[in-house]
Amino acid sequence: MTDQSKKQAMDALSARAVRGEISRRQFTQLAALVLAGTPMLLRSTGAFAQAKELVLVNWGGDALTAYDAAYGQAFTKETGITVKMDGSGPTEGAIAAQFKSGAPTWDLVDVDPFSAITLGAQGALEPIDYAIVDKKKMREGFGWEYAASTYFFSYVIAYDSEKYGKDAPTGMADFFDVKKFPGKRSLYKWGVSSWEAALLADGIAPASLYPLDLKRAHDKIAAFKENVVAYWGGGAESQSVLLNGEASMAIVWSTRASLIEQDSGGKIKFIWDQGLISPGALAVLKGNPGGKDAAMKFIASAQDPQKQLVMFDKLGQGPANPAADALIPADKKRINPVDPENMKKQIALDMDWYAKNYGAALDEYTKIISA
């Protein structure tokens, strides 16, 4: 395991300990295995996949109940297969650790497509069976060899509207401007969006963003560190850092931004301007205990536009199936990342760039924010 993979695996393990899912003794034993390079992180803990059971790993918080309501319960009714939700966070390192253990306990993971490209090349993921999963139920170009898009989301600026009044931020330059917009900030622990935000704030035009100038981005991020109160690693953490007032402004997933706005009674708002839009996808672990075909059938079931509408209602996920677009009520289009009015304000993340560069970029980013 690489140092970064170990760190991600340890973070996932620590999260389980905090939630009381494992004892202190179990944490100590498993941590020793991870640090020794034996990726046994989840072999003795959490949700175990048995016969007639699938384990789907996502980013926790509200996503646990949303995925169960939209997809899990329906799939169980359709097939008799129980679906357990695990919110420990399917980072690239944690997925790799599952595969390298030789006995994965996860079946399905909510994964960034660029991570799926990398992990698939390592043999960690099953190729998507497009005889079961229907490419016609995806937007064109969003079905990959090792992952199938099931939703869209964006990295957006969320901010305290009471603190800033009518002077709402209008882009990444405002996020980095603590004179015009005083207060603490929060950035994503795993790098994605932080590089783009720094470069946009530094004057790079959206059309010239890729390939990312990492040195310039890291210089900007390093100089801004004193203003960052937290680097969030999962959805629940990104919500709490704004709701508890720890940060006045944060770059968060649009899926969580809409929930934060709701939970705060409109105090925390968000903008689409210079948002960074990305597909979310499901992938299947190589050798998953619940069976490859069952996992593929789950992905196919999740393509149903009515089910994706439930996910939109509960979590603000933009539908991957274009047939769901017409089902979104007019008064809710403003929170849909793939609505044309919102899309035109945003920039698409470059999946190919990330597939080639993410690992090294994240290592350098982690050194900077940890120093």
Foldseek 3Di string as FASTA:
>chain_A
DDPVLLVLLLQLLVVCVVVVFDDPVVSVVCNVCSVVVQLCSPVPTDDAAAALEAEEEEQDDLVQVLCCVLFQVVLCVVPVRHYHYHNSHDDLSNLVSQQRNVHHRHWKYWDFVLSQLQCVVVVFFQFQDCVQAPPLQFDPPQHDRFWHFFFKKWFWKKFQCVQLPPPDDQALLVVLDCVNPPWAEEAALQPPPQQQSQVVNVPDDLVRCPPPPLVSSLVSCLVSLVRHQYHDHGLVRVLCCVLVPVTRMYGHILLSQVVSCVVNVNRMHIALAAIEMGTITMGTTVPHNHDDVSSSNSNNSSSPLVSSVSCCVSRVTAGRGPVNPVVDDPVSLVSHCPRPVSVVNYHYDDSVSCSVPSVVSSVVNNVSNVD
